[in-house]
């Protein structure tokens, strides 16, 4: 019994440690991402947590930000659609980056790529979540403050993703930038193939459904 409790405490301590490590990563990205990959200082559990917080922040932002700063038809917001519209492209980008890394001699595994991308989302949560409250405190004339902070969170996330992929694959800045363009192109190709697949699947379903109805009509 004591052994199971100690194992649970160890896992919890490890999880909390990797959560706190996210703060180190966003302020020391070069050392942080390097240690995440080579010293195993990050964890998938913490990465999942940051991704969920990112999606939750996005939904809360749409629902509760002051209407002066965001135009969102709250009555038509579907939480699942909002989360899916962010989660699916995010995962496709990770898959595209991993799939194309062999062409560019990348050293990162999918786990490392996913963790780096998730840890890079932390500034979005830390800045934009408090901005929901700030939007109800400041006036519309002070919207520059809101805009500047929002842009800082986005630029910070992009910078962290850039550094994270550079450290994961052991690239230089120029090669990382080129690889990011290739990754986006690869993600668009994957999305196109997925759309084609489901379009063909829908057509096939419609064909067999109409064939079944025709046969059933003639037999009965």
C-alpha atoms as a PDB file:
ATOM      1  CA  UNK A   1       0.000   0.000   0.000  1.00  0.00           C
ATOM      2  CA  UNK A   2       2.794   2.380   0.945  1.00  0.00           C
ATOM      3  CA  UNK A   3       4.605   1.550  -2.282  1.00  0.00           C
ATOM      4  CA  UNK A   4       1.550   2.431  -4.394  1.00  0.00           C
ATOM      5  CA  UNK A   5       1.095   5.707  -2.505  1.00  0.00           C
ATOM      6  CA  UNK A   6       4.749   6.606  -2.975  1.00  0.00           C
ATOM      7  CA  UNK A   7       4.540   5.809  -6.699  1.00  0.00           C
ATOM      8  CA  UNK A   8       1.437   8.020  -7.008  1.00  0.00           C
ATOM      9  CA  UNK A   9       3.185  10.846  -5.162  1.00  0.00           C
ATOM     10  CA  UNK A  10       6.236  10.446  -7.370  1.00  0.00           C
ATOM     11  CA  UNK A  11       4.122  10.667 -10.511  1.00  0.00           C
ATOM     12  CA  UNK A  12       2.281  13.703  -9.153  1.00  0.00           C
ATOM     13  CA  UNK A  13       5.554  15.399  -8.241  1.00  0.00           C
ATOM     14  CA  UNK A  14       6.890  14.636 -11.709  1.00  0.00           C
ATOM     15  CA  UNK A  15       3.741  16.071 -13.308  1.00  0.00           C
ATOM     16  CA  UNK A  16       3.834  19.250 -11.231  1.00  0.00           C
ATOM     17  CA  UNK A  17       7.546  19.632 -11.929  1.00  0.00           C
ATOM     18  CA  UNK A  18       7.005  19.441 -15.698  1.00  0.00           C
ATOM     19  CA  UNK A  19       4.172  21.963 -15.407  1.00  0.00           C
ATOM     20  CA  UNK A  20       6.453  24.407 -13.618  1.00  0.00           C
ATOM     21  CA  UNK A  21       9.131  23.691 -16.188  1.00  0.00           C
ATOM     22  CA  UNK A  22       6.848  25.305 -18.763  1.00  0.00           C
ATOM     23  CA  UNK A  23       7.556  28.672 -17.121  1.00  0.00           C
ATOM     24  CA  UNK A  24      11.272  28.072 -17.497  1.00  0.00           C
ATOM     25  CA  UNK A  25      10.822  27.144 -21.164  1.00  0.00           C
ATOM     26  CA  UNK A  26       8.965  30.305 -22.137  1.00  0.00           C
ATOM     27  CA  UNK A  27      11.604  32.563 -20.539  1.00  0.00           C
ATOM     28  CA  UNK A  28      14.646  30.452 -21.488  1.00  0.00           C
ATOM     29  CA  UNK A  29      13.495  28.802 -24.735  1.00  0.00           C
ATOM     30  CA  UNK A  30      16.875  27.716 -26.110  1.00  0.00           C
ATOM     31  CA  UNK A  31      18.028  25.952 -22.956  1.00  0.00           C
ATOM     32  CA  UNK A  32      14.486  24.927 -22.067  1.00  0.00           C
ATOM     33  CA  UNK A  33      13.646  23.094 -25.277  1.00  0.00           C
ATOM     34  CA  UNK A  34      17.117  21.551 -25.465  1.00  0.00           C
ATOM     35  CA  UNK A  35      16.772  20.114 -21.954  1.00  0.00           C
ATOM     36  CA  UNK A  36      13.208  19.029 -22.735  1.00  0.00           C
ATOM     37  CA  UNK A  37      14.461  16.818 -25.553  1.00  0.00           C
ATOM     38  CA  UNK A  38      17.822  15.660 -24.241  1.00  0.00           C
ATOM     39  CA  UNK A  39      17.315  15.732 -20.454  1.00  0.00           C
ATOM     40  CA  UNK A  40      13.649  14.596 -20.584  1.00  0.00           C
ATOM     41  CA  UNK A  41      12.503  17.463 -18.383  1.00  0.00           C
ATOM     42  CA  UNK A  42       9.121  17.780 -20.066  1.00  0.00           C
ATOM     43  CA  UNK A  43       6.215  15.342 -20.062  1.00  0.00           C
ATOM     44  CA  UNK A  44       3.303  14.417 -22.274  1.00  0.00           C
ATOM     45  CA  UNK A  45       0.909  14.968 -19.366  1.00  0.00           C
ATOM     46  CA  UNK A  46       2.016  18.583 -19.018  1.00  0.00           C
ATOM     47  CA  UNK A  47       1.874  19.013 -22.810  1.00  0.00           C
ATOM     48  CA  UNK A  48      -1.714  17.704 -22.850  1.00  0.00           C
ATOM     49  CA  UNK A  49      -2.561  20.103 -20.023  1.00  0.00           C
ATOM     50  CA  UNK A  50      -1.195  23.127 -21.877  1.00  0.00           C
ATOM     51  CA  UNK A  51      -3.092  22.140 -25.019  1.00  0.00           C
ATOM     52  CA  UNK A  52      -6.365  21.764 -23.098  1.00  0.00           C
ATOM     53  CA  UNK A  53      -5.796  25.110 -21.371  1.00  0.00           C
ATOM     54  CA  UNK A  54      -5.155  26.698 -24.765  1.00  0.00           C
ATOM     55  CA  UNK A  55      -8.461  25.378 -26.124  1.00  0.00           C
ATOM     56  CA  UNK A  56     -10.301  26.379 -22.946  1.00  0.00           C
ATOM     57  CA  UNK A  57      -8.837  29.883 -23.076  1.00  0.00           C
ATOM     58  CA  UNK A  58      -9.970  30.263 -26.675  1.00  0.00           C
ATOM     59  CA  UNK A  59     -13.548  29.240 -25.812  1.00  0.00           C
ATOM     60  CA  UNK A  60     -13.695  31.462 -22.721  1.00  0.00           C
ATOM     61  CA  UNK A  61     -12.300  34.349 -24.737  1.00  0.00           C
ATOM     62  CA  UNK A  62     -15.090  34.043 -27.310  1.00  0.00           C
ATOM     63  CA  UNK A  63     -17.782  33.710 -24.683  1.00  0.00           C
ATOM     64  CA  UNK A  64     -16.781  36.204 -21.999  1.00  0.00           C
ATOM     65  CA  UNK A  65     -14.603  38.915 -23.564  1.00  0.00           C
ATOM     66  CA  UNK A  66     -16.243  42.344 -23.537  1.00  0.00           C
ATOM     67  CA  UNK A  67     -18.227  42.820 -26.742  1.00  0.00           C
ATOM     68  CA  UNK A  68     -16.296  46.045 -27.422  1.00  0.00           C
ATOM     69  CA  UNK A  69     -13.123  44.047 -28.060  1.00  0.00           C
ATOM     70  CA  UNK A  70     -14.398  40.984 -29.874  1.00  0.00           C
ATOM     71  CA  UNK A  71     -17.271  40.332 -32.240  1.00  0.00           C
ATOM     72  CA  UNK A  72     -18.494  36.803 -31.602  1.00  0.00           C
ATOM     73  CA  UNK A  73     -22.126  35.637 -31.949  1.00  0.00           C
ATOM     74  CA  UNK A  74     -22.306  33.893 -28.575  1.00  0.00           C
ATOM     75  CA  UNK A  75     -25.666  32.281 -29.330  1.00  0.00           C
ATOM     76  CA  UNK A  76     -24.160  30.457 -32.299  1.00  0.00           C
ATOM     77  CA  UNK A  77     -20.859  29.384 -30.707  1.00  0.00           C
ATOM     78  CA  UNK A  78     -20.392  25.625 -30.645  1.00  0.00           C
ATOM     79  CA  UNK A  79     -17.710  24.673 -28.130  1.00  0.00           C
ATOM     80  CA  UNK A  80     -16.876  21.410 -29.877  1.00  0.00           C
ATOM     81  CA  UNK A  81     -16.542  23.097 -33.252  1.00  0.00           C
ATOM     82  CA  UNK A  82     -14.305  25.804 -31.806  1.00  0.00           C
ATOM     83  CA  UNK A  83     -12.041  23.252 -30.136  1.00  0.00           C
ATOM     84  CA  UNK A  84     -11.981  21.033 -33.223  1.00  0.00           C
ATOM     85  CA  UNK A  85     -11.164  23.949 -35.525  1.00  0.00           C
ATOM     86  CA  UNK A  86      -7.991  24.551 -33.482  1.00  0.00           C
ATOM     87  CA  UNK A  87      -7.085  21.043 -32.362  1.00  0.00           C
ATOM     88  CA  UNK A  88      -7.316  19.357 -35.755  1.00  0.00           C
ATOM     89  CA  UNK A  89      -5.030  21.811 -37.634  1.00  0.00           C
ATOM     90  CA  UNK A  90      -2.623  21.747 -34.678  1.00  0.00           C
ATOM     91  CA  UNK A  91      -2.312  17.962 -34.856  1.00  0.00           C
ATOM     92  CA  UNK A  92      -2.028  18.041 -38.652  1.00  0.00           C
ATOM     93  CA  UNK A  93       0.868  20.500 -38.358  1.00  0.00           C
ATOM     94  CA  UNK A  94       2.598  18.187 -35.882  1.00  0.00           C
ATOM     95  CA  UNK A  95       2.097  15.194 -38.182  1.00  0.00           C
ATOM     96  CA  UNK A  96       3.304  17.156 -41.212  1.00  0.00           C
ATOM     97  CA  UNK A  97       6.391  18.330 -39.341  1.00  0.00           C
ATOM     98  CA  UNK A  98       7.202  14.803 -38.213  1.00  0.00           C
ATOM     99  CA  UNK A  99       6.531  13.231 -41.618  1.00  0.00           C
ATOM    100  CA  UNK A 100       8.717  15.717 -43.489  1.00  0.00           C
ATOM    101  CA  UNK A 101      11.527  15.795 -40.933  1.00  0.00           C
ATOM    102  CA  UNK A 102      13.220  12.787 -42.568  1.00  0.00           C
ATOM    103  CA  UNK A 103      13.613  14.756 -45.802  1.00  0.00           C
ATOM    104  CA  UNK A 104      15.429  17.502 -43.900  1.00  0.00           C
ATOM    105  CA  UNK A 105      17.501  15.233 -41.648  1.00  0.00           C
ATOM    106  CA  UNK A 106      15.441  16.178 -38.612  1.00  0.00           C
ATOM    107  CA  UNK A 107      16.246  14.433 -35.349  1.00  0.00           C
ATOM    108  CA  UNK A 108      12.963  14.947 -33.538  1.00  0.00           C
ATOM    109  CA  UNK A 109      10.407  12.245 -32.815  1.00  0.00           C
ATOM    110  CA  UNK A 110       6.673  12.944 -32.971  1.00  0.00           C
ATOM    111  CA  UNK A 111       6.553  13.010 -29.169  1.00  0.00           C
ATOM    112  CA  UNK A 112       9.215  15.727 -29.031  1.00  0.00           C
ATOM    113  CA  UNK A 113       7.530  17.792 -31.760  1.00  0.00           C
ATOM    114  CA  UNK A 114       4.139  17.562 -30.065  1.00  0.00           C
ATOM    115  CA  UNK A 115       5.551  18.493 -26.658  1.00  0.00           C
ATOM    116  CA  UNK A 116       7.488  21.461 -28.044  1.00  0.00           C
ATOM    117  CA  UNK A 117       4.400  22.775 -29.850  1.00  0.00           C
ATOM    118  CA  UNK A 118       2.224  22.369 -26.742  1.00  0.00           C
ATOM    119  CA  UNK A 119       4.717  24.072 -24.433  1.00  0.00           C
ATOM    120  CA  UNK A 120       4.908  26.930 -26.948  1.00  0.00           C
ATOM    121  CA  UNK A 121       1.183  27.610 -26.348  1.00  0.00           C
ATOM    122  CA  UNK A 122       1.692  28.591 -22.706  1.00  0.00           C
ATOM    123  CA  UNK A 123       2.075  32.383 -23.274  1.00  0.00           C
ATOM    124  CA  UNK A 124      -1.317  32.410 -24.989  1.00  0.00           C
ATOM    125  CA  UNK A 125      -2.901  31.038 -21.820  1.00  0.00           C
ATOM    126  CA  UNK A 126      -0.937  33.211 -19.389  1.00  0.00           C
ATOM    127  CA  UNK A 127      -1.693  36.450 -21.248  1.00  0.00           C
ATOM    128  CA  UNK A 128      -5.045  35.999 -22.949  1.00  0.00           C
ATOM    129  CA  UNK A 129      -6.850  34.388 -20.031  1.00  0.00           C
ATOM    130  CA  UNK A 130      -6.349  37.472 -17.798  1.00  0.00           C
ATOM    131  CA  UNK A 131      -7.211  39.660 -20.805  1.00  0.00           C
ATOM    132  CA  UNK A 132     -10.790  38.390 -20.554  1.00  0.00           C
ATOM    133  CA  UNK A 133     -11.064  40.159 -17.188  1.00  0.00           C
ATOM    134  CA  UNK A 134      -9.067  43.162 -18.399  1.00  0.00           C
ATOM    135  CA  UNK A 135     -11.526  43.662 -21.268  1.00  0.00           C
ATOM    136  CA  UNK A 136     -14.243  44.403 -18.677  1.00  0.00           C
ATOM    137  CA  UNK A 137     -12.064  46.883 -16.782  1.00  0.00           C
ATOM    138  CA  UNK A 138     -10.576  49.100 -19.482  1.00  0.00           C
ATOM    139  CA  UNK A 139     -12.569  51.325 -21.794  1.00  0.00           C
ATOM    140  CA  UNK A 140     -12.757  51.105 -25.564  1.00  0.00           C
ATOM    141  CA  UNK A 141     -10.443  54.135 -25.822  1.00  0.00           C
ATOM    142  CA  UNK A 142      -7.764  52.033 -24.128  1.00  0.00           C
ATOM    143  CA  UNK A 143      -8.086  49.194 -26.631  1.00  0.00           C
ATOM    144  CA  UNK A 144      -4.443  49.666 -27.685  1.00  0.00           C
ATOM    145  CA  UNK A 145      -3.404  48.047 -24.401  1.00  0.00           C
ATOM    146  CA  UNK A 146      -5.594  45.056 -25.157  1.00  0.00           C
ATOM    147  CA  UNK A 147      -4.338  44.786 -28.741  1.00  0.00           C
ATOM    148  CA  UNK A 148      -0.671  45.066 -27.766  1.00  0.00           C
ATOM    149  CA  UNK A 149      -0.944  42.353 -25.107  1.00  0.00           C
ATOM    150  CA  UNK A 150      -2.866  40.076 -27.458  1.00  0.00           C
ATOM    151  CA  UNK A 151      -0.265  40.508 -30.202  1.00  0.00           C
ATOM    152  CA  UNK A 152       2.558  39.887 -27.726  1.00  0.00           C
ATOM    153  CA  UNK A 153       0.999  36.553 -26.738  1.00  0.00           C
ATOM    154  CA  UNK A 154       0.709  35.446 -30.378  1.00  0.00           C
ATOM    155  CA  UNK A 155       4.221  36.567 -31.362  1.00  0.00           C
ATOM    156  CA  UNK A 156       5.643  34.921 -28.250  1.00  0.00           C
ATOM    157  CA  UNK A 157       3.942  31.615 -29.110  1.00  0.00           C
ATOM    158  CA  UNK A 158       5.237  31.705 -32.692  1.00  0.00           C
ATOM    159  CA  UNK A 159       8.753  32.483 -31.487  1.00  0.00           C
ATOM    160  CA  UNK A 160       8.663  29.623 -28.987  1.00  0.00           C
ATOM    161  CA  UNK A 161       7.390  27.209 -31.643  1.00  0.00           C
ATOM    162  CA  UNK A 162      10.231  28.318 -33.935  1.00  0.00           C
ATOM    163  CA  UNK A 163      12.889  27.820 -31.253  1.00  0.00           C
ATOM    164  CA  UNK A 164      11.302  24.580 -30.084  1.00  0.00           C
ATOM    165  CA  UNK A 165      11.395  22.992 -33.536  1.00  0.00           C
ATOM    166  CA  UNK A 166      14.919  24.301 -34.072  1.00  0.00           C
ATOM    167  CA  UNK A 167      16.116  22.602 -30.887  1.00  0.00           C
ATOM    168  CA  UNK A 168      14.099  19.433 -31.464  1.00  0.00           C
ATOM    169  CA  UNK A 169      15.514  18.860 -34.946  1.00  0.00           C
ATOM    170  CA  UNK A 170      18.917  20.420 -34.223  1.00  0.00           C
ATOM    171  CA  UNK A 171      18.594  22.906 -37.107  1.00  0.00           C
ATOM    172  CA  UNK A 172      19.958  26.376 -37.655  1.00  0.00           C
ATOM    173  CA  UNK A 173      17.594  29.378 -37.873  1.00  0.00           C
ATOM    174  CA  UNK A 174      17.601  29.484 -41.693  1.00  0.00           C
ATOM    175  CA  UNK A 175      16.850  25.798 -42.118  1.00  0.00           C
ATOM    176  CA  UNK A 176      14.159  25.956 -39.437  1.00  0.00           C
ATOM    177  CA  UNK A 177      12.432  28.839 -41.234  1.00  0.00           C
ATOM    178  CA  UNK A 178      12.494  26.937 -44.522  1.00  0.00           C
ATOM    179  CA  UNK A 179      11.245  23.814 -42.787  1.00  0.00           C
ATOM    180  CA  UNK A 180       8.328  25.739 -41.280  1.00  0.00           C
ATOM    181  CA  UNK A 181       7.176  26.817 -44.743  1.00  0.00           C
ATOM    182  CA  UNK A 182       7.484  23.218 -45.947  1.00  0.00           C
ATOM    183  CA  UNK A 183       5.567  22.042 -42.871  1.00  0.00           C
ATOM    184  CA  UNK A 184       2.677  24.429 -43.563  1.00  0.00           C
ATOM    185  CA  UNK A 185       2.593  23.320 -47.205  1.00  0.00           C
ATOM    186  CA  UNK A 186       2.622  19.675 -46.130  1.00  0.00           C
ATOM    187  CA  UNK A 187      -0.224  20.334 -43.690  1.00  0.00           C
ATOM    188  CA  UNK A 188      -2.285  21.906 -46.483  1.00  0.00           C
ATOM    189  CA  UNK A 189      -1.643  18.836 -48.654  1.00  0.00           C
ATOM    190  CA  UNK A 190      -2.739  16.544 -45.817  1.00  0.00           C
ATOM    191  CA  UNK A 191      -5.918  18.579 -45.282  1.00  0.00           C
ATOM    192  CA  UNK A 192      -6.636  18.458 -49.018  1.00  0.00           C
ATOM    193  CA  UNK A 193      -6.216  14.673 -49.107  1.00  0.00           C
ATOM    194  CA  UNK A 194      -8.470  14.286 -46.076  1.00  0.00           C
ATOM    195  CA  UNK A 195     -11.163  16.411 -47.731  1.00  0.00           C
ATOM    196  CA  UNK A 196     -10.857  14.382 -50.955  1.00  0.00           C
ATOM    197  CA  UNK A 197     -11.092  11.135 -48.986  1.00  0.00           C
ATOM    198  CA  UNK A 198     -14.257  12.151 -47.160  1.00  0.00           C
ATOM    199  CA  UNK A 199     -15.735  13.549 -50.360  1.00  0.00           C
ATOM    200  CA  UNK A 200     -15.168  10.210 -52.115  1.00  0.00           C
ATOM    201  CA  UNK A 201     -16.486   8.371 -49.077  1.00  0.00           C
ATOM    202  CA  UNK A 202     -19.644  10.503 -49.133  1.00  0.00           C
ATOM    203  CA  UNK A 203     -20.122   9.876 -52.849  1.00  0.00           C
ATOM    204  CA  UNK A 204     -19.614   6.134 -52.357  1.00  0.00           C
ATOM    205  CA  UNK A 205     -22.130   6.102 -49.512  1.00  0.00           C
ATOM    206  CA  UNK A 206     -24.649   7.972 -51.640  1.00  0.00           C
ATOM    207  CA  UNK A 207     -24.140   5.553 -54.544  1.00  0.00           C
ATOM    208  CA  UNK A 208     -24.612   2.404 -52.449  1.00  0.00           C
ATOM    209  CA  UNK A 209     -27.550   3.940 -50.582  1.00  0.00           C
ATOM    210  CA  UNK A 210     -29.326   4.766 -53.857  1.00  0.00           C
ATOM    211  CA  UNK A 211     -28.443   1.298 -55.218  1.00  0.00           C
ATOM    212  CA  UNK A 212     -29.938  -0.323 -52.127  1.00  0.00           C
ATOM    213  CA  UNK A 213     -33.111   1.741 -52.425  1.00  0.00           C
ATOM    214  CA  UNK A 214     -33.437   0.839 -56.121  1.00  0.00           C
ATOM    215  CA  UNK A 215     -33.012  -2.885 -55.428  1.00  0.00           C
ATOM    216  CA  UNK A 216     -35.409  -2.760 -52.480  1.00  0.00           C
ATOM    217  CA  UNK A 217     -37.990  -0.912 -54.616  1.00  0.00           C
ATOM    218  CA  UNK A 218     -37.811  -3.498 -57.425  1.00  0.00           C
ATOM    219  CA  UNK A 219     -37.946  -6.503 -55.097  1.00  0.00           C
ATOM    220  CA  UNK A 220     -40.719  -5.301 -52.818  1.00  0.00           C
END
